[in-house]
Amino acid sequence: MVRCFLIHTVCPVSALSAGESRLLFSRVFGPDEGVLTEQHRGLGPEERRLLRREKTAVVARQVRSAVSLSREASGRPPVEAVPGEEALALQEAGSGAVRLRAGDPFPEEMSALWLAVQSLGFTLVCEPHENLPLAEGTLRNLTRHCLEHLHMLGPGSEVLLRSDRVDALLSRLLPHGQLLFLNHRFAQSLEKEVAAYMAK
């Protein structure tokens, strides 16, 4: 099962300190018990929400560090694409995986798969036994739809205002955090359904 999906910054942003990452969108799947340790079970709803937010922020910071290291090692700056060149930006996007040790930040070990498109990071946190190639394909598909339909590469694009659209994408492409095995016909049907919804 996928534990959470995040959209966050992976490049320095003027309002943040050098090592920080701004969390733009997060969706946690499954019950809170998967995120909370035994000592946190008695927390109220607001404290649970804040704890979940902090745990996803820890993941975003770890992914941001991995992206920075990957970009430094490759020696290539991120490709600057303009609106309309989303396919090129996705093709040139860096990708990788980070192992999240037990307790940092989730109670058990997890894998975080990431895709870095210019200044944006898209991350899926998966349970350790999950099918990672399938998760990577799902992450690329989600990222492609976010970039194409929500125009996230344009100036002034605000992910926070489009969270309902991202939620709709997740409910179709990653229902309840479950990865879908798609045959060609079902994938085409899903593409049409997503395109019709996003055109509204």
N, C-alpha and C. Protein backbone atom coordinates (compact mmCIF):
# COMPACT_ATOMS: atom_id res chain seq x y z
N MET A 1 0.83 -1.18 0.00
CA MET A 1 0.00 0.00 0.00
C MET A 1 0.88 1.25 0.00
N VAL A 2 0.38 2.30 -0.65
CA VAL A 2 1.05 3.59 -0.61
C VAL A 2 0.59 4.29 0.66
N ARG A 3 1.52 4.82 1.43
CA ARG A 3 1.18 5.47 2.69
C ARG A 3 0.83 6.94 2.49
N CYS A 4 1.57 7.64 1.59
CA CYS A 4 1.20 9.03 1.32
C CYS A 4 1.78 9.51 0.00
N PHE A 5 1.18 10.58 -0.52
CA PHE A 5 1.60 11.25 -1.74
C PHE A 5 1.86 12.71 -1.39
N LEU A 6 2.99 13.24 -1.84
CA LEU A 6 3.38 14.61 -1.52
C LEU A 6 3.76 15.38 -2.77
N ILE A 7 3.46 16.66 -2.77
CA ILE A 7 4.01 17.61 -3.74
C ILE A 7 4.70 18.68 -2.90
N HIS A 8 5.97 18.94 -3.18
CA HIS A 8 6.75 19.87 -2.38
C HIS A 8 7.83 20.52 -3.22
N THR A 9 8.49 21.52 -2.67
CA THR A 9 9.59 22.17 -3.39
C THR A 9 10.88 21.38 -3.17
N VAL A 10 11.74 21.42 -4.19
CA VAL A 10 13.04 20.75 -4.08
C VAL A 10 14.19 21.70 -4.37
N CYS A 11 13.89 22.96 -4.63
CA CYS A 11 14.90 23.99 -4.85
C CYS A 11 14.73 25.06 -3.79
N PRO A 12 15.76 25.85 -3.56
CA PRO A 12 15.61 26.92 -2.58
C PRO A 12 14.49 27.88 -2.95
N VAL A 13 13.71 28.25 -1.99
CA VAL A 13 12.63 29.22 -2.17
C VAL A 13 12.95 30.40 -1.27
N SER A 14 12.76 31.61 -1.76
CA SER A 14 13.21 32.80 -1.03
C SER A 14 12.67 32.89 0.39
N ALA A 15 11.46 32.42 0.63
CA ALA A 15 10.87 32.54 1.96
C ALA A 15 11.38 31.49 2.94
N LEU A 16 12.16 30.51 2.45
CA LEU A 16 12.60 29.41 3.31
C LEU A 16 14.10 29.46 3.52
N SER A 17 14.55 28.85 4.60
CA SER A 17 15.99 28.74 4.82
C SER A 17 16.57 27.71 3.85
N ALA A 18 17.89 27.65 3.76
CA ALA A 18 18.56 26.86 2.72
C ALA A 18 18.15 25.40 2.66
N GLY A 19 17.97 24.73 3.78
CA GLY A 19 17.69 23.30 3.76
C GLY A 19 16.23 22.93 3.83
N GLU A 20 15.35 23.91 3.80
CA GLU A 20 13.93 23.66 3.98
C GLU A 20 13.23 23.32 2.66
N SER A 21 12.11 22.65 2.79
CA SER A 21 11.27 22.32 1.65
C SER A 21 9.84 22.73 2.00
N ARG A 22 9.16 23.37 1.10
CA ARG A 22 7.77 23.78 1.37
C ARG A 22 6.83 22.68 0.89
N LEU A 23 6.00 22.22 1.78
CA LEU A 23 5.02 21.18 1.46
C LEU A 23 3.81 21.86 0.83
N LEU A 24 3.53 21.54 -0.43
CA LEU A 24 2.43 22.18 -1.16
C LEU A 24 1.14 21.37 -1.09
N PHE A 25 1.28 20.04 -1.04
CA PHE A 25 0.12 19.16 -1.00
C PHE A 25 0.54 17.86 -0.34
N SER A 26 -0.32 17.31 0.50
CA SER A 26 -0.05 15.98 1.06
C SER A 26 -1.37 15.25 1.24
N ARG A 27 -1.31 13.96 0.99
CA ARG A 27 -2.47 13.11 1.20
C ARG A 27 -1.97 11.82 1.83
N VAL A 28 -2.45 11.53 3.03
CA VAL A 28 -2.07 10.31 3.75
C VAL A 28 -3.18 9.30 3.57
N PHE A 29 -2.81 8.08 3.22
CA PHE A 29 -3.78 7.01 3.02
C PHE A 29 -3.78 6.07 4.21
N GLY A 30 -4.91 5.46 4.45
CA GLY A 30 -5.01 4.49 5.53
C GLY A 30 -5.27 5.15 6.85
N PRO A 31 -5.45 4.34 7.88
CA PRO A 31 -5.74 4.89 9.21
C PRO A 31 -4.52 5.56 9.83
N ASP A 32 -4.78 6.42 10.80
CA ASP A 32 -3.71 7.13 11.51
C ASP A 32 -2.74 6.16 12.18
N GLU A 33 -3.20 4.97 12.49
CA GLU A 33 -2.36 4.03 13.22
C GLU A 33 -1.07 3.73 12.47
N GLY A 34 -1.11 3.83 11.13
CA GLY A 34 0.10 3.58 10.35
C GLY A 34 1.12 4.69 10.48
N VAL A 35 0.69 5.87 10.90
CA VAL A 35 1.58 7.03 11.01
C VAL A 35 1.98 7.28 12.45
N LEU A 36 1.09 6.95 13.39
CA LEU A 36 1.31 7.28 14.79
C LEU A 36 1.95 6.12 15.55
N THR A 37 2.82 6.45 16.45
CA THR A 37 3.41 5.44 17.32
C THR A 37 2.50 5.25 18.54
N GLU A 38 2.82 4.26 19.35
CA GLU A 38 1.99 3.94 20.52
C GLU A 38 1.82 5.13 21.45
N GLN A 39 2.87 5.92 21.63
CA GLN A 39 2.80 7.06 22.56
C GLN A 39 1.91 8.19 22.05
N HIS A 40 1.60 8.21 20.75
CA HIS A 40 0.78 9.29 20.18
C HIS A 40 -0.69 8.92 20.02
N ARG A 41 -1.11 7.72 20.40
CA ARG A 41 -2.49 7.26 20.16
C ARG A 41 -3.53 8.09 20.91
N GLY A 42 -3.18 8.70 22.02
CA GLY A 42 -4.14 9.45 22.82
C GLY A 42 -4.30 10.90 22.39
N LEU A 43 -3.65 11.31 21.32
CA LEU A 43 -3.74 12.70 20.87
C LEU A 43 -5.11 13.02 20.29
N GLY A 44 -5.50 14.28 20.40
CA GLY A 44 -6.75 14.75 19.82
C GLY A 44 -6.60 14.94 18.32
N PRO A 45 -7.72 15.22 17.61
CA PRO A 45 -7.69 15.35 16.14
C PRO A 45 -6.72 16.41 15.63
N GLU A 46 -6.67 17.57 16.29
CA GLU A 46 -5.78 18.64 15.82
C GLU A 46 -4.32 18.27 16.03
N GLU A 47 -4.00 17.65 17.16
CA GLU A 47 -2.62 17.23 17.40
C GLU A 47 -2.21 16.13 16.41
N ARG A 48 -3.14 15.23 16.08
CA ARG A 48 -2.85 14.18 15.09
C ARG A 48 -2.57 14.80 13.73
N ARG A 49 -3.37 15.80 13.35
CA ARG A 49 -3.18 16.46 12.06
C ARG A 49 -1.80 17.14 12.01
N LEU A 50 -1.43 17.82 13.08
CA LEU A 50 -0.13 18.49 13.12
C LEU A 50 1.02 17.49 13.09
N LEU A 51 0.86 16.36 13.78
CA LEU A 51 1.89 15.32 13.78
C LEU A 51 2.04 14.70 12.38
N ARG A 52 0.90 14.43 11.72
CA ARG A 52 0.95 13.92 10.35
C ARG A 52 1.67 14.91 9.44
N ARG A 53 1.35 16.18 9.60
CA ARG A 53 1.98 17.22 8.78
C ARG A 53 3.49 17.27 9.01
N GLU A 54 3.90 17.15 10.26
CA GLU A 54 5.33 17.17 10.57
C GLU A 54 6.04 15.95 9.96
N LYS A 55 5.40 14.79 10.03
CA LYS A 55 6.01 13.58 9.47
C LYS A 55 6.16 13.70 7.95
N THR A 56 5.15 14.25 7.27
CA THR A 56 5.26 14.42 5.82
C THR A 56 6.31 15.49 5.48
N ALA A 57 6.45 16.50 6.34
CA ALA A 57 7.49 17.52 6.12
C ALA A 57 8.88 16.91 6.25
N VAL A 58 9.05 15.96 7.17
CA VAL A 58 10.34 15.26 7.32
C VAL A 58 10.67 14.51 6.03
N VAL A 59 9.68 13.84 5.45
CA VAL A 59 9.89 13.12 4.19
C VAL A 59 10.29 14.11 3.10
N ALA A 60 9.59 15.23 3.00
CA ALA A 60 9.90 16.24 1.98
C ALA A 60 11.33 16.75 2.12
N ARG A 61 11.80 16.96 3.35
CA ARG A 61 13.18 17.42 3.56
C ARG A 61 14.18 16.35 3.14
N GLN A 62 13.89 15.09 3.45
CA GLN A 62 14.81 14.02 3.06
C GLN A 62 14.88 13.88 1.54
N VAL A 63 13.73 13.99 0.89
CA VAL A 63 13.70 13.90 -0.58
C VAL A 63 14.42 15.10 -1.18
N ARG A 64 14.22 16.28 -0.61
CA ARG A 64 14.90 17.48 -1.12
C ARG A 64 16.42 17.28 -1.07
N SER A 65 16.93 16.70 0.02
CA SER A 65 18.37 16.43 0.13
C SER A 65 18.81 15.44 -0.94
N ALA A 66 18.02 14.39 -1.16
CA ALA A 66 18.37 13.39 -2.18
C ALA A 66 18.38 14.01 -3.57
N VAL A 67 17.42 14.89 -3.85
CA VAL A 67 17.37 15.56 -5.15
C VAL A 67 18.60 16.44 -5.33
N SER A 68 18.95 17.20 -4.30
CA SER A 68 20.14 18.07 -4.38
C SER A 68 21.39 17.27 -4.66
N LEU A 69 21.57 16.14 -3.94
CA LEU A 69 22.74 15.29 -4.16
C LEU A 69 22.75 14.71 -5.57
N SER A 70 21.59 14.28 -6.04
CA SER A 70 21.49 13.70 -7.37
C SER A 70 21.83 14.73 -8.44
N ARG A 71 21.34 15.96 -8.27
CA ARG A 71 21.61 17.01 -9.25
C ARG A 71 23.08 17.42 -9.22
N GLU A 72 23.67 17.48 -8.04
CA GLU A 72 25.10 17.80 -7.94
C GLU A 72 25.94 16.72 -8.60
N ALA A 73 25.58 15.46 -8.36
CA ALA A 73 26.35 14.34 -8.92
C ALA A 73 26.26 14.30 -10.44
N SER A 74 25.08 14.63 -10.98
CA SER A 74 24.92 14.60 -12.44
C SER A 74 25.58 15.78 -13.11
N GLY A 75 25.72 16.89 -12.37
CA GLY A 75 26.34 18.08 -12.95
C GLY A 75 25.46 18.84 -13.91
N ARG A 76 24.21 18.40 -14.03
CA ARG A 76 23.27 19.08 -14.94
C ARG A 76 22.25 19.86 -14.13
N PRO A 77 22.06 21.13 -14.45
CA PRO A 77 20.99 21.87 -13.78
C PRO A 77 19.64 21.38 -14.28
N PRO A 78 18.58 21.58 -13.50
CA PRO A 78 17.26 21.16 -13.98
C PRO A 78 16.86 21.91 -15.24
N VAL A 79 16.22 21.22 -16.16
CA VAL A 79 15.77 21.82 -17.41
C VAL A 79 14.66 22.81 -17.09
N GLU A 80 14.80 24.03 -17.60
CA GLU A 80 13.77 25.04 -17.40
C GLU A 80 12.79 24.95 -18.56
N ALA A 81 11.60 24.45 -18.29
CA ALA A 81 10.56 24.35 -19.31
C ALA A 81 9.50 25.40 -19.03
N VAL A 82 8.81 25.78 -20.07
CA VAL A 82 7.74 26.76 -19.94
C VAL A 82 6.40 26.04 -20.08
N PRO A 83 5.31 26.69 -19.71
CA PRO A 83 4.01 26.04 -19.90
C PRO A 83 3.85 25.58 -21.36
N GLY A 84 3.36 24.37 -21.51
CA GLY A 84 3.23 23.76 -22.83
C GLY A 84 4.34 22.75 -23.10
N GLU A 85 5.41 22.81 -22.32
CA GLU A 85 6.53 21.86 -22.46
C GLU A 85 6.58 20.88 -21.31
N GLU A 86 5.41 20.53 -20.76
CA GLU A 86 5.36 19.64 -19.61
C GLU A 86 5.95 18.27 -19.93
N ALA A 87 5.71 17.76 -21.15
CA ALA A 87 6.22 16.44 -21.52
C ALA A 87 7.75 16.44 -21.52
N LEU A 88 8.36 17.52 -22.01
CA LEU A 88 9.82 17.63 -22.00
C LEU A 88 10.35 17.69 -20.57
N ALA A 89 9.70 18.48 -19.74
CA ALA A 89 10.13 18.60 -18.34
C ALA A 89 10.05 17.26 -17.63
N LEU A 90 8.99 16.50 -17.89
CA LEU A 90 8.83 15.20 -17.25
C LEU A 90 9.87 14.21 -17.75
N GLN A 91 10.17 14.28 -19.05
CA GLN A 91 11.17 13.38 -19.63
C GLN A 91 12.54 13.64 -19.04
N GLU A 92 12.86 14.89 -18.74
CA GLU A 92 14.15 15.27 -18.20
C GLU A 92 14.20 15.22 -16.67
N ALA A 93 13.09 14.88 -16.04
CA ALA A 93 13.00 14.90 -14.57
C ALA A 93 13.94 13.86 -13.96
N GLY A 94 14.53 14.25 -12.84
CA GLY A 94 15.34 13.31 -12.07
C GLY A 94 14.43 12.43 -11.22
N SER A 95 14.88 11.23 -10.92
CA SER A 95 14.06 10.34 -10.10
C SER A 95 14.97 9.52 -9.21
N GLY A 96 14.38 8.95 -8.18
CA GLY A 96 15.15 8.12 -7.27
C GLY A 96 14.28 7.58 -6.16
N ALA A 97 14.93 6.96 -5.21
CA ALA A 97 14.23 6.39 -4.05
C ALA A 97 15.06 6.63 -2.81
N VAL A 98 14.37 6.84 -1.70
CA VAL A 98 15.01 7.05 -0.41
C VAL A 98 14.42 6.02 0.56
N ARG A 99 15.29 5.34 1.27
CA ARG A 99 14.82 4.41 2.30
C ARG A 99 14.61 5.19 3.58
N LEU A 100 13.40 5.11 4.12
CA LEU A 100 13.09 5.78 5.38
C LEU A 100 13.18 4.73 6.49
N ARG A 101 14.14 4.89 7.36
CA ARG A 101 14.34 3.91 8.43
C ARG A 101 13.18 3.91 9.41
N ALA A 102 12.98 2.81 10.08
CA ALA A 102 11.92 2.71 11.09
C ALA A 102 12.11 3.79 12.14
N GLY A 103 11.05 4.53 12.41
CA GLY A 103 11.11 5.61 13.39
C GLY A 103 11.52 6.94 12.81
N ASP A 104 11.83 7.00 11.50
CA ASP A 104 12.29 8.25 10.89
C ASP A 104 11.62 8.49 9.54
N PRO A 105 10.40 8.97 9.47
CA PRO A 105 9.52 9.44 10.54
C PRO A 105 8.40 8.46 10.89
N PHE A 106 8.25 7.36 10.15
CA PHE A 106 7.15 6.43 10.39
C PHE A 106 7.59 5.31 11.32
N PRO A 107 6.63 4.67 12.02
CA PRO A 107 7.00 3.61 12.98
C PRO A 107 7.77 2.46 12.32
N GLU A 108 7.42 2.10 11.07
CA GLU A 108 8.16 1.03 10.40
C GLU A 108 8.88 1.58 9.18
N GLU A 109 9.80 0.79 8.64
CA GLU A 109 10.59 1.20 7.48
C GLU A 109 9.68 1.42 6.26
N MET A 110 9.99 2.43 5.47
CA MET A 110 9.23 2.76 4.26
C MET A 110 10.21 3.08 3.13
N SER A 111 9.67 3.14 1.91
CA SER A 111 10.44 3.60 0.75
C SER A 111 9.76 4.84 0.20
N ALA A 112 10.53 5.86 -0.12
CA ALA A 112 9.99 7.08 -0.72
C ALA A 112 10.52 7.19 -2.14
N LEU A 113 9.63 7.07 -3.11
CA LEU A 113 10.00 7.24 -4.51
C LEU A 113 9.74 8.68 -4.89
N TRP A 114 10.68 9.33 -5.58
CA TRP A 114 10.52 10.73 -5.91
C TRP A 114 10.80 11.00 -7.38
N LEU A 115 10.20 12.07 -7.84
CA LEU A 115 10.38 12.59 -9.20
C LEU A 115 10.54 14.09 -9.04
N ALA A 116 11.65 14.65 -9.52
CA ALA A 116 11.92 16.08 -9.37
C ALA A 116 11.80 16.76 -10.73
N VAL A 117 10.78 17.59 -10.88
CA VAL A 117 10.53 18.32 -12.12
C VAL A 117 10.76 19.80 -11.81
N GLN A 118 11.87 20.33 -12.33
CA GLN A 118 12.29 21.69 -12.04
C GLN A 118 12.34 21.92 -10.53
N SER A 119 11.50 22.80 -10.00
CA SER A 119 11.56 23.09 -8.57
C SER A 119 10.56 22.28 -7.76
N LEU A 120 9.80 21.41 -8.43
CA LEU A 120 8.77 20.62 -7.74
C LEU A 120 9.20 19.18 -7.54
N GLY A 121 8.87 18.64 -6.39
CA GLY A 121 9.09 17.23 -6.10
C GLY A 121 7.77 16.53 -5.92
N PHE A 122 7.63 15.35 -6.52
CA PHE A 122 6.44 14.51 -6.38
C PHE A 122 6.92 13.23 -5.72
N THR A 123 6.33 12.86 -4.60
CA THR A 123 6.84 11.74 -3.81
C THR A 123 5.71 10.79 -3.40
N LEU A 124 5.97 9.49 -3.56
CA LEU A 124 5.09 8.44 -3.04
C LEU A 124 5.85 7.72 -1.94
N VAL A 125 5.24 7.59 -0.78
CA VAL A 125 5.83 6.81 0.32
C VAL A 125 5.11 5.47 0.34
N CYS A 126 5.87 4.40 0.16
CA CYS A 126 5.30 3.05 0.04
C CYS A 126 5.78 2.15 1.17
N GLU A 127 4.95 1.19 1.51
CA GLU A 127 5.36 0.16 2.46
C GLU A 127 6.46 -0.68 1.82
N PRO A 128 7.33 -1.29 2.64
CA PRO A 128 8.52 -1.94 2.09
C PRO A 128 8.26 -3.10 1.14
N HIS A 129 7.13 -3.79 1.29
CA HIS A 129 6.84 -4.94 0.42
C HIS A 129 6.14 -4.54 -0.87
N GLU A 130 5.91 -3.25 -1.09
CA GLU A 130 5.15 -2.78 -2.25
C GLU A 130 5.94 -2.99 -3.54
N ASN A 131 5.24 -3.13 -4.64
CA ASN A 131 5.82 -3.30 -5.97
C ASN A 131 6.36 -1.94 -6.43
N LEU A 132 7.67 -1.73 -6.29
CA LEU A 132 8.26 -0.41 -6.57
C LEU A 132 8.23 -0.02 -8.05
N PRO A 133 8.46 -0.94 -9.00
CA PRO A 133 8.32 -0.53 -10.41
C PRO A 133 6.88 -0.07 -10.73
N LEU A 134 5.89 -0.74 -10.17
CA LEU A 134 4.50 -0.31 -10.37
C LEU A 134 4.26 1.05 -9.71
N ALA A 135 4.83 1.25 -8.53
CA ALA A 135 4.70 2.53 -7.84
C ALA A 135 5.36 3.65 -8.64
N GLU A 136 6.51 3.37 -9.25
CA GLU A 136 7.19 4.38 -10.05
C GLU A 136 6.35 4.76 -11.27
N GLY A 137 5.74 3.77 -11.92
CA GLY A 137 4.87 4.05 -13.06
C GLY A 137 3.67 4.90 -12.65
N THR A 138 3.10 4.58 -11.50
CA THR A 138 1.97 5.35 -10.99
C THR A 138 2.39 6.78 -10.67
N LEU A 139 3.57 6.94 -10.06
CA LEU A 139 4.07 8.28 -9.74
C LEU A 139 4.28 9.10 -11.01
N ARG A 140 4.86 8.49 -12.04
CA ARG A 140 5.05 9.21 -13.31
C ARG A 140 3.71 9.61 -13.92
N ASN A 141 2.74 8.71 -13.86
CA ASN A 141 1.42 9.00 -14.41
C ASN A 141 0.74 10.15 -13.64
N LEU A 142 0.79 10.09 -12.31
CA LEU A 142 0.23 11.16 -11.49
C LEU A 142 0.91 12.50 -11.78
N THR A 143 2.23 12.47 -11.87
CA THR A 143 2.99 13.69 -12.13
C THR A 143 2.63 14.26 -13.50
N ARG A 144 2.54 13.40 -14.49
CA ARG A 144 2.18 13.85 -15.85
C ARG A 144 0.84 14.55 -15.84
N HIS A 145 -0.14 13.94 -15.19
CA HIS A 145 -1.48 14.56 -15.14
C HIS A 145 -1.45 15.89 -14.38
N CYS A 146 -0.72 15.93 -13.27
CA CYS A 146 -0.62 17.18 -12.51
C CYS A 146 -0.02 18.29 -13.37
N LEU A 147 1.06 17.97 -14.08
CA LEU A 147 1.73 18.98 -14.90
C LEU A 147 0.87 19.42 -16.08
N GLU A 148 0.26 18.46 -16.77
CA GLU A 148 -0.52 18.79 -17.97
C GLU A 148 -1.83 19.49 -17.65
N HIS A 149 -2.57 18.97 -16.70
CA HIS A 149 -3.91 19.49 -16.44
C HIS A 149 -3.95 20.66 -15.46
N LEU A 150 -2.98 20.72 -14.57
CA LEU A 150 -2.99 21.78 -13.55
C LEU A 150 -1.97 22.87 -13.84
N HIS A 151 -1.20 22.71 -14.91
CA HIS A 151 -0.25 23.73 -15.35
C HIS A 151 0.64 24.22 -14.21
N MET A 152 1.29 23.29 -13.56
CA MET A 152 2.09 23.62 -12.38
C MET A 152 3.42 24.27 -12.70
N LEU A 153 3.85 24.25 -13.96
CA LEU A 153 5.14 24.83 -14.30
C LEU A 153 5.05 26.32 -14.60
N GLY A 154 3.85 26.83 -14.76
CA GLY A 154 3.67 28.23 -15.10
C GLY A 154 3.90 29.15 -13.93
N PRO A 155 4.22 30.42 -14.21
CA PRO A 155 4.39 31.38 -13.12
C PRO A 155 3.06 31.62 -12.42
N GLY A 156 3.12 31.68 -11.12
CA GLY A 156 1.92 31.96 -10.34
C GLY A 156 0.98 30.78 -10.18
N SER A 157 1.39 29.59 -10.66
CA SER A 157 0.52 28.43 -10.47
C SER A 157 0.53 28.09 -8.98
N GLU A 158 -0.61 27.83 -8.44
CA GLU A 158 -0.73 27.61 -7.00
C GLU A 158 -1.37 26.27 -6.74
N VAL A 159 -0.55 25.30 -6.36
CA VAL A 159 -1.02 23.94 -6.09
C VAL A 159 -2.07 23.95 -4.97
N LEU A 160 -1.86 24.81 -3.98
CA LEU A 160 -2.77 24.82 -2.83
C LEU A 160 -4.21 25.12 -3.23
N LEU A 161 -4.39 25.91 -4.29
CA LEU A 161 -5.75 26.25 -4.74
C LEU A 161 -6.37 25.15 -5.58
N ARG A 162 -5.57 24.19 -5.99
CA ARG A 162 -6.05 23.12 -6.86
C ARG A 162 -6.03 21.77 -6.17
N SER A 163 -6.06 21.77 -4.86
CA SER A 163 -5.95 20.52 -4.13
C SER A 163 -7.12 19.59 -4.41
N ASP A 164 -8.31 20.14 -4.72
CA ASP A 164 -9.45 19.29 -5.05
C ASP A 164 -9.19 18.51 -6.34
N ARG A 165 -8.50 19.13 -7.29
CA ARG A 165 -8.16 18.45 -8.55
C ARG A 165 -7.14 17.35 -8.31
N VAL A 166 -6.15 17.61 -7.46
CA VAL A 166 -5.16 16.58 -7.14
C VAL A 166 -5.84 15.43 -6.42
N ASP A 167 -6.76 15.73 -5.49
CA ASP A 167 -7.51 14.68 -4.80
C ASP A 167 -8.31 13.83 -5.79
N ALA A 168 -8.91 14.48 -6.79
CA ALA A 168 -9.67 13.74 -7.80
C ALA A 168 -8.76 12.82 -8.61
N LEU A 169 -7.57 13.30 -8.95
CA LEU A 169 -6.60 12.44 -9.65
C LEU A 169 -6.23 11.23 -8.80
N LEU A 170 -5.97 11.48 -7.52
CA LEU A 170 -5.58 10.39 -6.63
C LEU A 170 -6.70 9.37 -6.47
N SER A 171 -7.94 9.84 -6.39
CA SER A 171 -9.05 8.90 -6.21
C SER A 171 -9.22 8.00 -7.43
N ARG A 172 -8.79 8.46 -8.60
CA ARG A 172 -8.91 7.64 -9.81
C ARG A 172 -7.67 6.78 -10.08
N LEU A 173 -6.49 7.36 -9.86
CA LEU A 173 -5.26 6.67 -10.21
C LEU A 173 -4.61 5.90 -9.06
N LEU A 174 -4.98 6.27 -7.82
CA LEU A 174 -4.42 5.63 -6.64
C LEU A 174 -5.51 5.52 -5.57
N PRO A 175 -6.60 4.78 -5.87
CA PRO A 175 -7.74 4.76 -4.95
C PRO A 175 -7.38 4.16 -3.59
N HIS A 176 -7.61 4.92 -2.54
CA HIS A 176 -7.36 4.50 -1.15
C HIS A 176 -5.91 4.05 -0.95
N GLY A 177 -4.99 4.57 -1.76
CA GLY A 177 -3.59 4.21 -1.62
C GLY A 177 -3.20 2.88 -2.23
N GLN A 178 -4.09 2.29 -3.02
CA GLN A 178 -3.82 1.00 -3.65
C GLN A 178 -3.29 1.21 -5.07
N LEU A 179 -2.16 0.58 -5.37
CA LEU A 179 -1.62 0.65 -6.73
C LEU A 179 -2.47 -0.22 -7.64
N LEU A 180 -2.72 0.26 -8.86
CA LEU A 180 -3.56 -0.46 -9.81
C LEU A 180 -2.71 -1.09 -10.91
N PHE A 181 -2.96 -2.37 -11.18
CA PHE A 181 -2.40 -3.01 -12.36
C PHE A 181 -3.36 -2.69 -13.51
N LEU A 182 -2.89 -1.99 -14.52
CA LEU A 182 -3.77 -1.53 -15.60
C LEU A 182 -3.43 -2.24 -16.90
N ASN A 183 -4.45 -2.84 -17.53
CA ASN A 183 -4.22 -3.31 -18.89
C ASN A 183 -4.45 -2.12 -19.83
N HIS A 184 -4.13 -2.29 -21.10
CA HIS A 184 -4.16 -1.18 -22.05
C HIS A 184 -5.55 -0.56 -22.15
N ARG A 185 -6.57 -1.39 -22.23
CA ARG A 185 -7.94 -0.88 -22.39
C ARG A 185 -8.40 -0.09 -21.16
N PHE A 186 -8.12 -0.63 -19.97
CA PHE A 186 -8.52 0.07 -18.75
C PHE A 186 -7.74 1.38 -18.59
N ALA A 187 -6.45 1.36 -18.96
CA ALA A 187 -5.64 2.58 -18.88
C ALA A 187 -6.20 3.66 -19.80
N GLN A 188 -6.63 3.28 -21.02
CA GLN A 188 -7.23 4.26 -21.94
C GLN A 188 -8.53 4.81 -21.38
N SER A 189 -9.34 3.95 -20.81
CA SER A 189 -10.61 4.38 -20.21
C SER A 189 -10.36 5.36 -19.07
N LEU A 190 -9.37 5.06 -18.25
CA LEU A 190 -9.03 5.93 -17.13
C LEU A 190 -8.51 7.27 -17.62
N GLU A 191 -7.70 7.25 -18.68
CA GLU A 191 -7.18 8.50 -19.27
C GLU A 191 -8.33 9.39 -19.74
N LYS A 192 -9.32 8.79 -20.40
CA LYS A 192 -10.47 9.57 -20.87
C LYS A 192 -11.26 10.15 -19.71
N GLU A 193 -11.44 9.34 -18.66
CA GLU A 193 -12.18 9.80 -17.50
C GLU A 193 -11.48 10.97 -16.81
N VAL A 194 -10.17 10.86 -16.67
CA VAL A 194 -9.39 11.93 -16.04
C VAL A 194 -9.43 13.19 -16.89
N ALA A 195 -9.25 13.03 -18.21
CA ALA A 195 -9.26 14.20 -19.11
C ALA A 195 -10.62 14.89 -19.08
N ALA A 196 -11.70 14.11 -19.04
CA ALA A 196 -13.05 14.70 -18.99
C ALA A 196 -13.26 15.46 -17.69
N TYR A 197 -12.78 14.90 -16.59
CA TYR A 197 -12.95 15.59 -15.29
C TYR A 197 -12.13 16.88 -15.27
N MET A 198 -10.88 16.81 -15.75
CA MET A 198 -10.02 17.98 -15.69
C MET A 198 -10.45 19.08 -16.64
N ALA A 199 -11.21 18.72 -17.67
CA ALA A 199 -11.68 19.73 -18.62
C ALA A 199 -12.84 20.55 -18.06
N LYS A 200 -13.45 20.12 -16.95
CA LYS A 200 -14.60 20.84 -16.37
C LYS A 200 -14.19 22.21 -15.89
